[in-house]
Amino acid sequence: EGARTPLQAAAEVGNLELVNQLLEKGAEINARPSATYGLTALQGAAIQGHIKIALALLGAGAEVNAEPAEIEGRMALDGAAEHGRLDMVQLLLNFGAKSEVSGDTGFDNAIKLARKNGHFAVAKLLE
């Protein structure tokens, strides 16, 4: 508890080859993030905009709506929206992604984070 798994680290830094190797060896795809600032493998890939890694993880059964870390965590959709990853947001929506705070739109938190950071195309997609 508290440390990143090799899969989480590889996904976040964008190492597709290592992600695939770890998945082949049975890495825990849905390992929980550490409580503080932690990310699941998919959350890390989503925030960093690594589309091919996100596709590999989703194809291998990654939970698109995994709970975020307790402190400063982000669900995959919220993190992608916050960082303006339009293609990633669309991909995650295709897999049924939700926002941590859904509200009236279904994606209130993601929209708020996108707007706050000037990513208006992402906010419009989610509205």
C-alpha atoms as a PDB file:
ATOM      1  CA  GLU A   1       0.000   0.000   0.000  1.00  0.00           C
ATOM      2  CA  GLY A   2       1.315   3.402  -0.935  1.00  0.00           C
ATOM      3  CA  ALA A   3       3.691   2.411  -3.724  1.00  0.00           C
ATOM      4  CA  ARG A   4       2.983   2.334  -7.438  1.00  0.00           C
ATOM      5  CA  THR A   5       2.941  -0.991  -9.190  1.00  0.00           C
ATOM      6  CA  PRO A   6       5.218  -1.506 -12.199  1.00  0.00           C
ATOM      7  CA  LEU A   7       2.127  -1.431 -14.449  1.00  0.00           C
ATOM      8  CA  GLN A   8       0.942   1.874 -12.985  1.00  0.00           C
ATOM      9  CA  ALA A   9       4.378   3.420 -13.495  1.00  0.00           C
ATOM     10  CA  ALA A  10       4.771   2.081 -17.049  1.00  0.00           C
ATOM     11  CA  ALA A  11       1.319   3.320 -18.053  1.00  0.00           C
ATOM     12  CA  GLU A  12       1.900   6.783 -16.632  1.00  0.00           C
ATOM     13  CA  VAL A  13       5.256   7.289 -18.356  1.00  0.00           C
ATOM     14  CA  GLY A  14       3.962   5.926 -21.669  1.00  0.00           C
ATOM     15  CA  ASN A  15       5.963   2.718 -22.060  1.00  0.00           C
ATOM     16  CA  LEU A  16       3.601   0.637 -24.211  1.00  0.00           C
ATOM     17  CA  GLU A  17       6.070  -2.220 -24.677  1.00  0.00           C
ATOM     18  CA  LEU A  18       6.498  -2.652 -20.929  1.00  0.00           C
ATOM     19  CA  VAL A  19       2.741  -2.312 -20.337  1.00  0.00           C
ATOM     20  CA  ASN A  20       2.121  -5.144 -22.808  1.00  0.00           C
ATOM     21  CA  GLN A  21       4.821  -7.314 -21.225  1.00  0.00           C
ATOM     22  CA  LEU A  22       3.402  -6.772 -17.755  1.00  0.00           C
ATOM     23  CA  LEU A  23      -0.124  -7.559 -18.931  1.00  0.00           C
ATOM     24  CA  GLU A  24       1.124 -10.775 -20.582  1.00  0.00           C
ATOM     25  CA  LYS A  25       2.752 -11.778 -17.294  1.00  0.00           C
ATOM     26  CA  GLY A  26      -0.520 -11.253 -15.413  1.00  0.00           C
ATOM     27  CA  ALA A  27       0.009  -7.875 -13.763  1.00  0.00           C
ATOM     28  CA  GLU A  28      -2.935  -6.728 -11.646  1.00  0.00           C
ATOM     29  CA  ILE A  29      -4.607  -4.372 -14.099  1.00  0.00           C
ATOM     30  CA  ASN A  30      -6.974  -2.816 -11.575  1.00  0.00           C
ATOM     31  CA  ALA A  31      -4.558  -2.423  -8.662  1.00  0.00           C
ATOM     32  CA  ARG A  32      -5.786   0.367  -6.393  1.00  0.00           C
ATOM     33  CA  PRO A  33      -3.914   3.645  -6.395  1.00  0.00           C
ATOM     34  CA  SER A  34      -2.034   4.718  -3.309  1.00  0.00           C
ATOM     35  CA  ALA A  35      -4.184   6.888  -1.029  1.00  0.00           C
ATOM     36  CA  THR A  36      -2.257  10.089  -1.722  1.00  0.00           C
ATOM     37  CA  TYR A  37      -1.810  11.250  -5.319  1.00  0.00           C
ATOM     38  CA  GLY A  38      -2.026   7.673  -6.573  1.00  0.00           C
ATOM     39  CA  LEU A  39      -3.349   6.573  -9.946  1.00  0.00           C
ATOM     40  CA  THR A  40      -4.542   3.316 -11.405  1.00  0.00           C
ATOM     41  CA  ALA A  41      -2.753   2.329 -14.606  1.00  0.00           C
ATOM     42  CA  LEU A  42      -5.672   3.625 -16.686  1.00  0.00           C
ATOM     43  CA  GLN A  43      -5.930   6.893 -14.741  1.00  0.00           C
ATOM     44  CA  GLY A  44      -2.221   7.519 -15.316  1.00  0.00           C
ATOM     45  CA  ALA A  45      -2.480   6.790 -19.032  1.00  0.00           C
ATOM     46  CA  ALA A  46      -5.599   8.957 -19.331  1.00  0.00           C
ATOM     47  CA  ILE A  47      -4.064  11.968 -17.597  1.00  0.00           C
ATOM     48  CA  GLN A  48      -0.890  11.746 -19.672  1.00  0.00           C
ATOM     49  CA  GLY A  49      -2.791  11.196 -22.930  1.00  0.00           C
ATOM     50  CA  HIS A  50      -1.334   7.789 -23.791  1.00  0.00           C
ATOM     51  CA  ILE A  51      -4.122   6.559 -26.098  1.00  0.00           C
ATOM     52  CA  LYS A  52      -2.474   3.279 -27.174  1.00  0.00           C
ATOM     53  CA  ILE A  53      -1.811   2.350 -23.565  1.00  0.00           C
ATOM     54  CA  ALA A  54      -5.368   3.216 -22.554  1.00  0.00           C
ATOM     55  CA  LEU A  55      -6.669   1.031 -25.390  1.00  0.00           C
ATOM     56  CA  ALA A  56      -4.436  -1.852 -24.294  1.00  0.00           C
ATOM     57  CA  LEU A  57      -5.564  -1.508 -20.682  1.00  0.00           C
ATOM     58  CA  LEU A  58      -9.255  -1.209 -21.543  1.00  0.00           C
ATOM     59  CA  GLY A  59      -8.966  -4.168 -23.911  1.00  0.00           C
ATOM     60  CA  ALA A  60      -7.428  -6.203 -21.103  1.00  0.00           C
ATOM     61  CA  GLY A  61     -10.242  -5.358 -18.688  1.00  0.00           C
ATOM     62  CA  ALA A  62      -9.204  -2.164 -16.914  1.00  0.00           C
ATOM     63  CA  GLU A  63     -12.040  -0.635 -14.890  1.00  0.00           C
ATOM     64  CA  VAL A  64     -12.890   2.629 -16.649  1.00  0.00           C
ATOM     65  CA  ASN A  65     -14.594   4.035 -13.544  1.00  0.00           C
ATOM     66  CA  ALA A  66     -12.132   2.932 -10.863  1.00  0.00           C
ATOM     67  CA  GLU A  67     -12.206   5.005  -7.685  1.00  0.00           C
ATOM     68  CA  PRO A  68      -9.556   7.715  -7.465  1.00  0.00           C
ATOM     69  CA  ALA A  69      -6.984   8.120  -4.716  1.00  0.00           C
ATOM     70  CA  GLU A  70      -8.413   9.593  -1.514  1.00  0.00           C
ATOM     71  CA  ILE A  71      -6.195  12.690  -1.673  1.00  0.00           C
ATOM     72  CA  GLU A  72      -5.804  14.564  -4.961  1.00  0.00           C
ATOM     73  CA  GLY A  73      -7.030  11.608  -6.993  1.00  0.00           C
ATOM     74  CA  ARG A  74      -8.885  11.769 -10.300  1.00  0.00           C
ATOM     75  CA  MET A  75     -11.144   9.316 -12.064  1.00  0.00           C
ATOM     76  CA  ALA A  76      -9.836   8.619 -15.570  1.00  0.00           C
ATOM     77  CA  LEU A  77     -12.390  10.855 -17.316  1.00  0.00           C
ATOM     78  CA  ASP A  78     -11.886  13.737 -14.889  1.00  0.00           C
ATOM     79  CA  GLY A  79      -8.105  13.571 -15.226  1.00  0.00           C
ATOM     80  CA  ALA A  80      -8.217  13.456 -19.019  1.00  0.00           C
ATOM     81  CA  ALA A  81     -10.646  16.396 -19.104  1.00  0.00           C
ATOM     82  CA  GLU A  82      -8.548  18.415 -16.659  1.00  0.00           C
ATOM     83  CA  HIS A  83      -5.518  18.054 -18.925  1.00  0.00           C
ATOM     84  CA  GLY A  84      -7.366  18.728 -22.186  1.00  0.00           C
ATOM     85  CA  ARG A  85      -6.987  15.236 -23.633  1.00  0.00           C
ATOM     86  CA  LEU A  86      -9.891  15.457 -26.103  1.00  0.00           C
ATOM     87  CA  ASP A  87      -9.149  12.153 -27.877  1.00  0.00           C
ATOM     88  CA  MET A  88      -8.768  10.392 -24.535  1.00  0.00           C
ATOM     89  CA  VAL A  89     -12.034  11.829 -23.229  1.00  0.00           C
ATOM     90  CA  GLN A  90     -13.817  10.517 -26.331  1.00  0.00           C
ATOM     91  CA  LEU A  91     -12.217   7.085 -25.931  1.00  0.00           C
ATOM     92  CA  LEU A  92     -13.182   6.888 -22.271  1.00  0.00           C
ATOM     93  CA  LEU A  93     -16.751   7.956 -23.052  1.00  0.00           C
ATOM     94  CA  ASN A  94     -16.925   5.144 -25.620  1.00  0.00           C
ATOM     95  CA  PHE A  95     -16.124   2.738 -22.771  1.00  0.00           C
ATOM     96  CA  GLY A  96     -18.781   4.195 -20.455  1.00  0.00           C
ATOM     97  CA  ALA A  97     -16.621   6.510 -18.355  1.00  0.00           C
ATOM     98  CA  LYS A  98     -18.251   8.625 -15.678  1.00  0.00           C
ATOM     99  CA  SER A  99     -17.236  11.719 -13.761  1.00  0.00           C
ATOM    100  CA  GLU A 100     -16.644  11.577 -10.008  1.00  0.00           C
ATOM    101  CA  VAL A 101     -19.390  14.183  -9.539  1.00  0.00           C
ATOM    102  CA  SER A 102     -22.019  13.572 -12.196  1.00  0.00           C
ATOM    103  CA  GLY A 103     -24.583  16.293 -11.389  1.00  0.00           C
ATOM    104  CA  ASP A 104     -27.111  17.476 -13.954  1.00  0.00           C
ATOM    105  CA  THR A 105     -24.948  16.807 -17.004  1.00  0.00           C
ATOM    106  CA  GLY A 106     -23.620  13.442 -15.913  1.00  0.00           C
ATOM    107  CA  PHE A 107     -20.094  14.838 -16.140  1.00  0.00           C
ATOM    108  CA  ASP A 108     -20.133  17.938 -13.907  1.00  0.00           C
ATOM    109  CA  ASN A 109     -16.695  17.452 -12.339  1.00  0.00           C
ATOM    110  CA  ALA A 110     -15.005  16.719 -15.663  1.00  0.00           C
ATOM    111  CA  ILE A 111     -16.626  19.794 -17.247  1.00  0.00           C
ATOM    112  CA  LYS A 112     -15.584  21.990 -14.311  1.00  0.00           C
ATOM    113  CA  LEU A 113     -11.975  20.762 -14.472  1.00  0.00           C
ATOM    114  CA  ALA A 114     -11.795  21.221 -18.255  1.00  0.00           C
ATOM    115  CA  ARG A 115     -13.171  24.770 -18.104  1.00  0.00           C
ATOM    116  CA  LYS A 116     -10.929  25.727 -15.175  1.00  0.00           C
ATOM    117  CA  ASN A 117      -7.902  24.844 -17.302  1.00  0.00           C
ATOM    118  CA  GLY A 118      -9.131  26.447 -20.529  1.00  0.00           C
ATOM    119  CA  HIS A 119     -10.011  23.213 -22.332  1.00  0.00           C
ATOM    120  CA  PHE A 120     -13.310  24.420 -23.749  1.00  0.00           C
ATOM    121  CA  ALA A 121     -13.514  21.847 -26.565  1.00  0.00           C
ATOM    122  CA  VAL A 122     -13.393  19.101 -23.942  1.00  0.00           C
ATOM    123  CA  ALA A 123     -16.065  20.831 -21.850  1.00  0.00           C
ATOM    124  CA  LYS A 124     -18.290  21.215 -24.923  1.00  0.00           C
ATOM    125  CA  LEU A 125     -17.931  17.518 -25.771  1.00  0.00           C
ATOM    126  CA  LEU A 126     -19.104  16.614 -22.273  1.00  0.00           C
ATOM    127  CA  GLU A 127     -22.040  19.040 -22.108  1.00  0.00           C
END
